[in-house]
Amino acid sequence: MRKKFLSDFFFIQIINLLIKPVWILVIDRKVQNLLPNEEYGTYFSLTGYSLLFMILLDLGLTNYNNREVAINRGFYKTNFWSIIGAKTILTVAFFSIAAIVGLLIGFTSTDFLIFGLLALNQTLLSFNTYLRSNISAIHQFKMDGILSVVDRLFVVLSLGAIIWTSLFPMQLTLYTFILAQTAGLFLTFILSWLANNRYLGKAEFHFDKTKILKLLKKSLPYATIIALMTLYTRLDSVLVLKLLPNGRAEAGNYAMSYRLLDAAAIIGTLLAGQLLPLFAANFINKARLQLIIKWSSIILIPAVLGTIVCSLESDWLIKLLYPEKYSEEVGQVFSILIWCFPGMVLVNIFGTLLTAAGEVKRINQMALAACIINITGNLILIQTFGLKGVAITAVITQVFFGVMCFWGARSLYR
């Protein structure tokens, strides 16, 4: 058990660390350096805006499905098409509600165009995540790891060719950047669908409205968790855009720091995806469950050490990665923001354990408290301290939620 867990864990980490940091720190960073700060800031804020509504694309179906398939593989064949149907209906709701809110807060025609493309990408990502949840649920973690990097590998290769070679007669624009992501996500969708058929067989086409409603009802508590966590992690980018003077440029500055945090968070996110089905399938075997918790918790050590190094060397890192747009303020913001990482890892391990245990109500209560802290903190600090206030609020929120997940899990499994 230990050997397989470690083997799968390191395979997933290595394959992702070979691709995703290149995407974030090379391709995305280069695009940010090449595009005007206001233009990239608009893209970053609208990405955060689209993520606020992304819960409407899934309503917790993927997490619920992952847990159920891990316990009983038969759940896949009897519910596959009902979940696909439910997600299709939710997609229509996602586009409609997000567009209406966009109108109310004053989106321009350009904002709507960019958001439409980003919303298409979020839709493809949501379907891909569901399809991959079936693969990880049956512990095919290596295949899931491969599928998790296909879209980014495509973007790295295609945009790398556009930026640094003359193979494609086109210029890099914001729209080229977004559409390359669309193509990579669509390729992942095709491969994920084929992988579902290979490992779990073809599900019989069955579209049952009653079953869809039951699935949505059962998944709603999981949806609430995702909605609250998305709110406290992504609302700050929208608040920066709307509350700070010269908000689009400030959003671009905040994006420089946040991208590095995103790169660090890859490790914990991948670990959580591996742990959820493992926890769900091993609650009966307490000794094995404790072993999984023990080995996964080791990641906290490099997480804290890495955070300390990045915080101390924040100015050097920002200057290295963004020489054209470097400012001392961005380095200071990142030195604060990176302290979110240990809190994120705590959530990835112990929040996942609580989710697998069905302690959804407890997690929702903690996530709601985190949201209140985040919104209140931002409204108080953003006007006085600017981006530093946003970073301080993010750290307080993430560490609070992480510690609460740890103590919640400890009270259940001492």
Protein backbone atom coordinates (compact mmCIF):
# COMPACT_ATOMS: atom_id res chain seq x y z
CA MET A 1 0.00 0.00 0.00
CA ARG A 2 2.73 2.44 1.01
CA LYS A 3 4.81 1.58 -2.05
CA LYS A 4 1.90 2.13 -4.47
CA PHE A 5 0.85 5.36 -2.76
CA LEU A 6 4.36 6.80 -2.94
CA SER A 7 4.89 5.54 -6.49
CA ASP A 8 1.67 7.14 -7.74
CA PHE A 9 2.27 10.30 -5.73
CA PHE A 10 5.76 10.90 -7.10
CA PHE A 11 4.71 10.02 -10.66
CA ILE A 12 1.86 12.56 -10.54
CA GLN A 13 4.05 15.21 -8.91
CA ILE A 14 6.93 14.75 -11.34
CA ILE A 15 4.81 14.80 -14.50
CA ASN A 16 2.97 17.89 -13.29
CA LEU A 17 6.10 19.64 -12.09
CA LEU A 18 7.61 19.08 -15.53
CA ILE A 19 4.69 20.79 -17.29
CA LYS A 20 2.62 23.10 -15.10
CA PRO A 21 5.42 25.26 -13.68
CA VAL A 22 6.62 25.76 -17.26
CA TRP A 23 3.11 26.91 -18.14
CA ILE A 24 2.90 29.30 -15.19
CA LEU A 25 6.48 30.54 -14.88
CA VAL A 26 7.52 30.51 -18.54
CA ILE A 27 4.53 30.78 -20.89
CA ASP A 28 2.05 32.66 -18.71
CA ARG A 29 4.82 34.87 -17.33
CA LYS A 30 6.09 35.66 -20.85
CA VAL A 31 2.57 36.53 -22.00
CA GLN A 32 2.12 38.81 -19.00
CA ASN A 33 5.41 40.54 -19.79
CA LEU A 34 4.48 40.99 -23.47
CA LEU A 35 0.90 42.20 -23.01
CA PRO A 36 0.06 45.65 -21.58
CA ASN A 37 -0.42 45.50 -17.81
CA GLU A 38 -4.02 46.75 -18.04
CA GLU A 39 -4.89 44.11 -20.65
CA TYR A 40 -3.46 41.22 -18.65
CA GLY A 41 -4.99 42.66 -15.49
CA THR A 42 -8.40 42.56 -17.18
CA TYR A 43 -7.80 38.92 -18.17
CA PHE A 44 -6.74 38.01 -14.61
CA SER A 45 -9.75 39.71 -13.01
CA LEU A 46 -12.22 38.23 -15.50
CA THR A 47 -10.70 34.81 -14.86
CA GLY A 48 -11.37 35.32 -11.17
CA TYR A 49 -14.89 36.49 -12.02
CA SER A 50 -15.60 33.38 -14.09
CA LEU A 51 -14.30 31.18 -11.27
CA LEU A 52 -16.78 32.77 -8.86
CA PHE A 53 -19.59 31.27 -10.96
CA MET A 54 -17.83 28.01 -11.85
CA ILE A 55 -19.66 26.20 -9.06
CA LEU A 56 -22.80 26.50 -11.22
CA LEU A 57 -21.14 24.18 -13.75
CA ASP A 58 -20.91 21.32 -11.29
CA LEU A 59 -22.78 21.93 -8.01
CA GLY A 60 -20.51 19.44 -6.26
CA LEU A 61 -21.33 16.57 -8.64
CA THR A 62 -17.68 15.75 -9.31
CA ASN A 63 -16.65 15.41 -5.65
CA TYR A 64 -19.80 13.45 -4.87
CA ASN A 65 -19.22 11.20 -7.91
CA ASN A 66 -15.56 10.62 -7.03
CA ARG A 67 -16.48 9.47 -3.54
CA GLU A 68 -19.31 7.20 -4.71
CA VAL A 69 -17.36 5.54 -7.55
CA ALA A 70 -14.46 4.93 -5.16
CA ILE A 71 -16.87 3.02 -2.91
CA ASN A 72 -18.88 1.32 -5.69
CA ARG A 73 -17.78 1.19 -9.35
CA GLY A 74 -21.31 0.37 -10.44
CA PHE A 75 -22.25 3.97 -9.64
CA TYR A 76 -20.43 5.03 -12.83
CA LYS A 77 -22.57 3.09 -15.33
CA THR A 78 -25.89 3.83 -13.69
CA ASN A 79 -25.29 7.57 -13.30
CA PHE A 80 -22.86 8.64 -16.06
CA TRP A 81 -25.38 10.02 -18.55
CA SER A 82 -27.54 11.55 -15.85
CA ILE A 83 -24.52 13.51 -14.58
CA ILE A 84 -23.61 14.56 -18.15
CA GLY A 85 -27.20 15.76 -18.61
CA ALA A 86 -27.17 17.63 -15.32
CA LYS A 87 -23.88 19.34 -16.15
CA THR A 88 -25.26 20.40 -19.56
CA ILE A 89 -28.25 22.06 -17.90
CA LEU A 90 -25.95 23.70 -15.35
CA THR A 91 -23.77 25.05 -18.16
CA VAL A 92 -26.72 27.02 -19.54
CA ALA A 93 -27.39 28.41 -16.06
CA PHE A 94 -23.70 29.32 -15.65
CA PHE A 95 -23.55 31.38 -18.86
CA SER A 96 -26.92 33.05 -18.22
CA ILE A 97 -26.38 34.08 -14.60
CA ALA A 98 -22.78 35.22 -15.08
CA ALA A 99 -23.81 37.32 -18.11
CA ILE A 100 -26.69 38.97 -16.21
CA VAL A 101 -24.41 39.85 -13.29
CA GLY A 102 -21.85 41.16 -15.79
CA LEU A 103 -24.47 43.52 -17.18
CA LEU A 104 -25.37 44.74 -13.71
CA ILE A 105 -21.77 45.55 -12.74
CA GLY A 106 -21.03 47.33 -16.01
CA PHE A 107 -19.10 44.94 -18.27
CA THR A 108 -17.95 46.46 -21.55
CA SER A 109 -18.37 44.65 -24.88
CA THR A 110 -14.69 43.67 -24.70
CA ASP A 111 -15.19 42.33 -21.17
CA PHE A 112 -18.08 40.18 -22.41
CA LEU A 113 -16.03 38.80 -25.30
CA ILE A 114 -13.11 37.86 -23.08
CA PHE A 115 -15.43 36.46 -20.43
CA GLY A 116 -17.30 34.37 -23.05
CA LEU A 117 -14.07 32.67 -24.11
CA LEU A 118 -13.00 32.15 -20.50
CA ALA A 119 -16.44 30.74 -19.65
CA LEU A 120 -16.10 28.25 -22.53
CA ASN A 121 -12.76 27.16 -21.08
CA GLN A 122 -14.27 26.79 -17.61
CA THR A 123 -17.02 24.61 -19.09
CA LEU A 124 -14.54 22.30 -20.79
CA LEU A 125 -12.45 22.18 -17.60
CA SER A 126 -15.53 21.23 -15.55
CA PHE A 127 -16.41 18.33 -17.86
CA ASN A 128 -12.76 17.21 -17.92
CA THR A 129 -12.62 17.24 -14.12
CA TYR A 130 -15.73 15.07 -13.92
CA LEU A 131 -14.39 12.57 -16.46
CA ARG A 132 -11.05 12.42 -14.64
CA SER A 133 -12.82 11.88 -11.30
CA ASN A 134 -13.95 8.48 -12.58
CA ILE A 135 -10.36 7.56 -13.42
CA SER A 136 -8.94 8.64 -10.05
CA ALA A 137 -11.83 6.97 -8.19
CA ILE A 138 -10.67 3.54 -9.40
CA HIS A 139 -7.09 4.44 -8.36
CA GLN A 140 -5.74 4.83 -11.90
CA PHE A 141 -3.74 7.78 -10.64
CA LYS A 142 -1.01 7.63 -13.27
CA MET A 143 -3.52 7.91 -16.12
CA ASP A 144 -5.27 10.71 -14.24
CA GLY A 145 -1.90 12.43 -13.85
CA ILE A 146 -1.26 12.23 -17.59
CA LEU A 147 -4.71 13.62 -18.39
CA SER A 148 -4.16 16.46 -15.91
CA VAL A 149 -1.28 17.89 -17.97
CA VAL A 150 -2.42 17.34 -21.57
CA ASP A 151 -4.06 20.76 -21.92
CA ARG A 152 -1.08 22.62 -20.44
CA LEU A 153 1.41 20.63 -22.53
CA PHE A 154 -0.52 21.61 -25.67
CA VAL A 155 -0.50 25.29 -24.64
CA VAL A 156 3.21 25.21 -23.77
CA LEU A 157 4.12 23.72 -27.16
CA SER A 158 1.76 25.84 -29.28
CA LEU A 159 2.39 29.19 -27.61
CA GLY A 160 6.09 28.44 -27.28
CA ALA A 161 6.20 27.96 -31.05
CA ILE A 162 4.34 31.26 -31.60
CA ILE A 163 6.48 33.26 -29.17
CA TRP A 164 9.95 31.94 -29.91
CA THR A 165 9.78 30.55 -33.47
CA SER A 166 8.38 31.51 -36.87
CA LEU A 167 6.55 28.21 -37.42
CA PHE A 168 3.13 29.86 -37.17
CA PRO A 169 2.44 33.15 -39.02
CA MET A 170 0.54 34.79 -36.18
CA GLN A 171 1.20 37.25 -33.40
CA LEU A 172 0.67 36.68 -29.73
CA THR A 173 -2.49 38.41 -28.53
CA LEU A 174 -4.73 37.93 -25.53
CA TYR A 175 -7.19 36.07 -27.76
CA THR A 176 -4.46 33.75 -29.13
CA PHE A 177 -3.49 33.04 -25.52
CA ILE A 178 -7.06 32.14 -24.50
CA LEU A 179 -7.90 30.10 -27.64
CA ALA A 180 -4.75 27.99 -27.26
CA GLN A 181 -6.08 27.02 -23.84
CA THR A 182 -9.46 26.19 -25.40
CA ALA A 183 -7.83 23.81 -27.89
CA GLY A 184 -5.83 22.09 -25.15
CA LEU A 185 -8.91 21.61 -22.98
CA PHE A 186 -10.89 20.18 -25.89
CA LEU A 187 -8.09 17.68 -26.61
CA THR A 188 -8.15 16.66 -22.93
CA PHE A 189 -11.93 16.20 -23.12
CA ILE A 190 -11.60 13.72 -26.01
CA LEU A 191 -8.81 11.74 -24.31
CA SER A 192 -10.62 11.69 -20.96
CA TRP A 193 -13.80 10.37 -22.59
CA LEU A 194 -11.82 7.58 -24.27
CA ALA A 195 -10.11 6.75 -20.95
CA ASN A 196 -13.50 6.43 -19.23
CA ASN A 197 -14.63 3.96 -21.88
CA ARG A 198 -11.41 1.97 -21.59
CA TYR A 199 -11.21 1.63 -17.80
CA LEU A 200 -14.89 1.62 -16.84
CA GLY A 201 -16.69 0.53 -20.00
CA LYS A 202 -19.42 2.26 -21.96
CA ALA A 203 -22.33 3.45 -19.87
CA GLU A 204 -25.78 2.80 -21.31
CA PHE A 205 -27.47 5.97 -22.47
CA HIS A 206 -30.09 6.82 -19.90
CA PHE A 207 -31.46 10.28 -19.26
CA ASP A 208 -33.69 10.33 -16.21
CA LYS A 209 -34.96 13.71 -14.98
CA THR A 210 -35.85 12.29 -11.59
CA LYS A 211 -32.37 10.84 -11.13
CA ILE A 212 -30.79 14.14 -12.17
CA LEU A 213 -32.74 15.98 -9.48
CA LYS A 214 -31.75 13.39 -6.87
CA LEU A 215 -28.08 13.64 -7.85
CA LEU A 216 -28.17 17.42 -7.65
CA LYS A 217 -29.83 17.28 -4.24
CA LYS A 218 -27.19 14.88 -2.88
CA SER A 219 -24.33 16.93 -4.33
CA LEU A 220 -25.51 20.34 -3.07
CA PRO A 221 -23.61 20.18 0.25
CA TYR A 222 -20.40 19.51 -1.72
CA ALA A 223 -21.31 22.40 -4.03
CA THR A 224 -21.55 24.72 -1.05
CA ILE A 225 -18.02 23.82 0.04
CA ILE A 226 -16.61 24.56 -3.41
CA ALA A 227 -18.62 27.79 -3.72
CA LEU A 228 -17.41 29.12 -0.37
CA MET A 229 -13.77 28.15 -1.02
CA THR A 230 -13.90 29.72 -4.49
CA LEU A 231 -15.39 32.87 -2.99
CA TYR A 232 -12.65 33.41 -0.43
CA THR A 233 -9.82 32.54 -2.86
CA ARG A 234 -10.96 34.43 -5.97
CA LEU A 235 -13.07 37.36 -4.85
CA ASP A 236 -9.96 39.39 -4.06
CA SER A 237 -9.03 39.75 -7.76
CA VAL A 238 -12.47 41.23 -8.50
CA LEU A 239 -12.27 43.57 -5.48
CA VAL A 240 -8.87 44.81 -6.60
CA LEU A 241 -10.32 45.63 -10.03
CA LYS A 242 -13.34 47.46 -8.63
CA LEU A 243 -12.09 49.12 -5.41
CA LEU A 244 -8.55 50.31 -6.10
CA PRO A 245 -7.69 53.36 -8.20
CA ASN A 246 -6.32 52.22 -11.57
CA GLY A 247 -7.76 48.81 -10.74
CA ARG A 248 -6.87 47.07 -14.01
CA ALA A 249 -3.17 47.85 -13.61
CA GLU A 250 -3.25 46.91 -9.91
CA ALA A 251 -4.92 43.61 -10.84
CA GLY A 252 -2.02 42.96 -13.20
CA ASN A 253 0.44 43.59 -10.36
CA TYR A 254 -1.49 41.29 -8.02
CA ALA A 255 -1.54 38.61 -10.74
CA MET A 256 2.28 38.48 -10.73
CA SER A 257 2.31 37.45 -7.07
CA TYR A 258 -0.73 35.17 -7.32
CA ARG A 259 0.67 33.24 -10.28
CA LEU A 260 3.64 32.15 -8.17
CA LEU A 261 1.28 31.03 -5.41
CA ASP A 262 -0.69 29.08 -8.02
CA ALA A 263 2.53 27.35 -9.08
CA ALA A 264 3.26 26.33 -5.49
CA ALA A 265 -0.32 25.17 -4.92
CA ILE A 266 -0.05 22.57 -7.70
CA ILE A 267 1.58 20.10 -5.30
CA GLY A 268 -1.19 20.24 -2.72
CA THR A 269 -4.00 20.22 -5.28
CA LEU A 270 -2.64 17.09 -6.92
CA LEU A 271 -2.24 15.44 -3.53
CA ALA A 272 -5.88 16.20 -2.66
CA GLY A 273 -7.07 14.64 -5.91
CA GLN A 274 -5.19 11.47 -5.03
CA LEU A 275 -6.26 11.40 -1.38
CA LEU A 276 -10.04 11.78 -1.75
CA PRO A 277 -10.70 8.34 -3.30
CA LEU A 278 -8.04 6.73 -1.09
CA PHE A 279 -9.64 8.10 2.08
CA ALA A 280 -13.15 7.18 0.91
CA ALA A 281 -12.16 3.59 0.10
CA ASN A 282 -10.26 2.96 3.35
CA PHE A 283 -12.45 4.18 6.21
CA ILE A 284 -13.18 0.60 7.20
CA ASN A 285 -9.45 -0.15 7.51
CA LYS A 286 -8.40 2.31 10.21
CA ALA A 287 -4.76 1.21 10.23
CA ARG A 288 -4.44 1.81 6.49
CA LEU A 289 -6.23 5.14 6.82
CA GLN A 290 -3.79 6.31 9.49
CA LEU A 291 -0.89 5.24 7.27
CA ILE A 292 -2.21 7.30 4.36
CA ILE A 293 -2.63 10.35 6.63
CA LYS A 294 0.88 9.89 8.00
CA TRP A 295 2.59 9.72 4.63
CA SER A 296 0.59 12.52 3.05
CA SER A 297 1.33 14.83 6.01
CA ILE A 298 5.07 14.66 5.31
CA ILE A 299 4.51 17.22 2.53
CA LEU A 300 3.95 19.87 5.23
CA ILE A 301 7.69 19.96 5.96
CA PRO A 302 8.87 21.04 2.46
CA ALA A 303 5.79 23.28 2.20
CA VAL A 304 6.83 25.35 5.22
CA LEU A 305 10.52 25.37 4.28
CA GLY A 306 9.71 26.41 0.70
CA THR A 307 7.44 29.18 1.98
CA ILE A 308 10.20 30.59 4.19
CA VAL A 309 12.71 30.61 1.32
CA CYS A 310 10.26 32.21 -1.15
CA SER A 311 9.25 34.87 1.38
CA LEU A 312 12.85 35.81 2.15
CA GLU A 313 13.83 35.86 -1.53
CA SER A 314 10.57 37.36 -2.82
CA ASP A 315 12.15 40.48 -4.30
CA TRP A 316 14.74 38.46 -6.20
CA LEU A 317 12.09 36.05 -7.52
CA ILE A 318 9.80 38.79 -8.83
CA LYS A 319 12.73 40.62 -10.43
CA LEU A 320 13.87 37.37 -12.08
CA LEU A 321 10.45 36.42 -13.45
CA TYR A 322 9.08 39.85 -14.34
CA PRO A 323 12.08 42.06 -15.17
CA GLU A 324 10.06 44.32 -17.49
CA LYS A 325 7.33 44.98 -14.91
CA TYR A 326 9.22 44.60 -11.64
CA SER A 327 8.31 46.86 -8.75
CA GLU A 328 9.32 46.73 -5.11
CA GLU A 329 5.65 46.64 -4.07
CA VAL A 330 4.99 43.41 -6.00
CA GLY A 331 7.93 41.75 -4.24
CA GLN A 332 6.57 42.82 -0.86
CA VAL A 333 3.08 41.56 -1.73
CA PHE A 334 4.44 38.17 -2.76
CA SER A 335 6.53 37.87 0.43
CA ILE A 336 3.23 38.05 2.33
CA LEU A 337 0.99 36.11 -0.07
CA ILE A 338 3.19 33.00 -0.25
CA TRP A 339 2.32 32.30 3.41
CA CYS A 340 -1.06 31.11 2.13
CA PHE A 341 0.69 27.94 0.95
CA PRO A 342 1.00 26.06 4.29
CA GLY A 343 -2.68 26.76 4.97
CA MET A 344 -3.57 25.44 1.52
CA VAL A 345 -1.66 22.21 2.16
CA LEU A 346 -3.48 21.70 5.46
CA VAL A 347 -6.78 22.05 3.60
CA ASN A 348 -5.60 19.68 0.84
CA ILE A 349 -4.92 16.94 3.39
CA PHE A 350 -7.33 17.38 6.29
CA GLY A 351 -10.14 19.12 4.42
CA THR A 352 -10.05 16.24 1.95
CA LEU A 353 -10.19 13.76 4.84
CA LEU A 354 -13.29 15.48 6.25
CA THR A 355 -14.91 15.56 2.80
CA ALA A 356 -14.28 11.85 2.27
CA ALA A 357 -15.71 11.16 5.73
CA GLY A 358 -18.92 12.93 4.79
CA GLU A 359 -18.34 15.73 7.33
CA VAL A 360 -19.74 18.21 4.83
CA LYS A 361 -21.74 20.30 7.30
CA ARG A 362 -18.67 20.88 9.46
CA ILE A 363 -16.56 21.95 6.46
CA ASN A 364 -19.29 24.31 5.25
CA GLN A 365 -19.44 25.98 8.65
CA MET A 366 -15.66 26.50 8.65
CA ALA A 367 -15.65 27.70 5.02
CA LEU A 368 -18.44 30.18 5.76
CA ALA A 369 -16.41 31.60 8.64
CA ALA A 370 -13.41 31.86 6.29
CA CYS A 371 -15.52 33.78 3.76
CA ILE A 372 -16.71 36.25 6.39
CA ILE A 373 -13.10 36.80 7.50
CA ASN A 374 -11.94 37.27 3.90
CA ILE A 375 -14.64 39.71 2.80
CA THR A 376 -14.46 41.74 6.00
CA GLY A 377 -10.67 41.84 5.92
CA ASN A 378 -10.54 42.96 2.30
CA LEU A 379 -13.11 45.71 2.77
CA ILE A 380 -11.20 47.03 5.79
CA LEU A 381 -7.60 46.64 4.61
CA ILE A 382 -7.73 47.18 0.84
CA GLN A 383 -8.40 50.92 1.07
CA THR A 384 -5.62 51.49 3.62
CA PHE A 385 -2.89 49.08 2.56
CA GLY A 386 -3.78 48.37 -1.09
CA LEU A 387 -2.42 45.10 -2.46
CA LYS A 388 -0.60 44.37 0.80
CA GLY A 389 -3.94 44.45 2.60
CA VAL A 390 -5.35 41.96 0.09
CA ALA A 391 -2.36 39.64 0.64
CA ILE A 392 -2.62 39.86 4.45
CA THR A 393 -6.31 39.01 4.29
CA ALA A 394 -5.63 36.03 2.01
CA VAL A 395 -3.02 34.63 4.42
CA ILE A 396 -5.26 35.03 7.47
CA THR A 397 -8.12 33.31 5.63
CA GLN A 398 -6.11 30.38 4.28
CA VAL A 399 -4.27 29.66 7.53
CA PHE A 400 -7.49 29.93 9.55
CA PHE A 401 -9.31 27.46 7.29
CA GLY A 402 -6.34 25.09 7.17
CA VAL A 403 -5.97 24.99 10.96
CA MET A 404 -9.71 24.49 11.40
CA CYS A 405 -9.64 21.52 8.98
CA PHE A 406 -6.72 20.03 10.92
CA TRP A 407 -8.48 20.32 14.27
CA GLY A 408 -11.73 19.04 12.79
CA ALA A 409 -9.97 15.94 11.45
CA ARG A 410 -8.06 15.49 14.69
CA SER A 411 -11.26 15.46 16.71
CA LEU A 412 -12.54 12.59 14.53
CA TYR A 413 -9.32 10.59 14.05
CA ARG A 414 -6.94 11.21 16.91
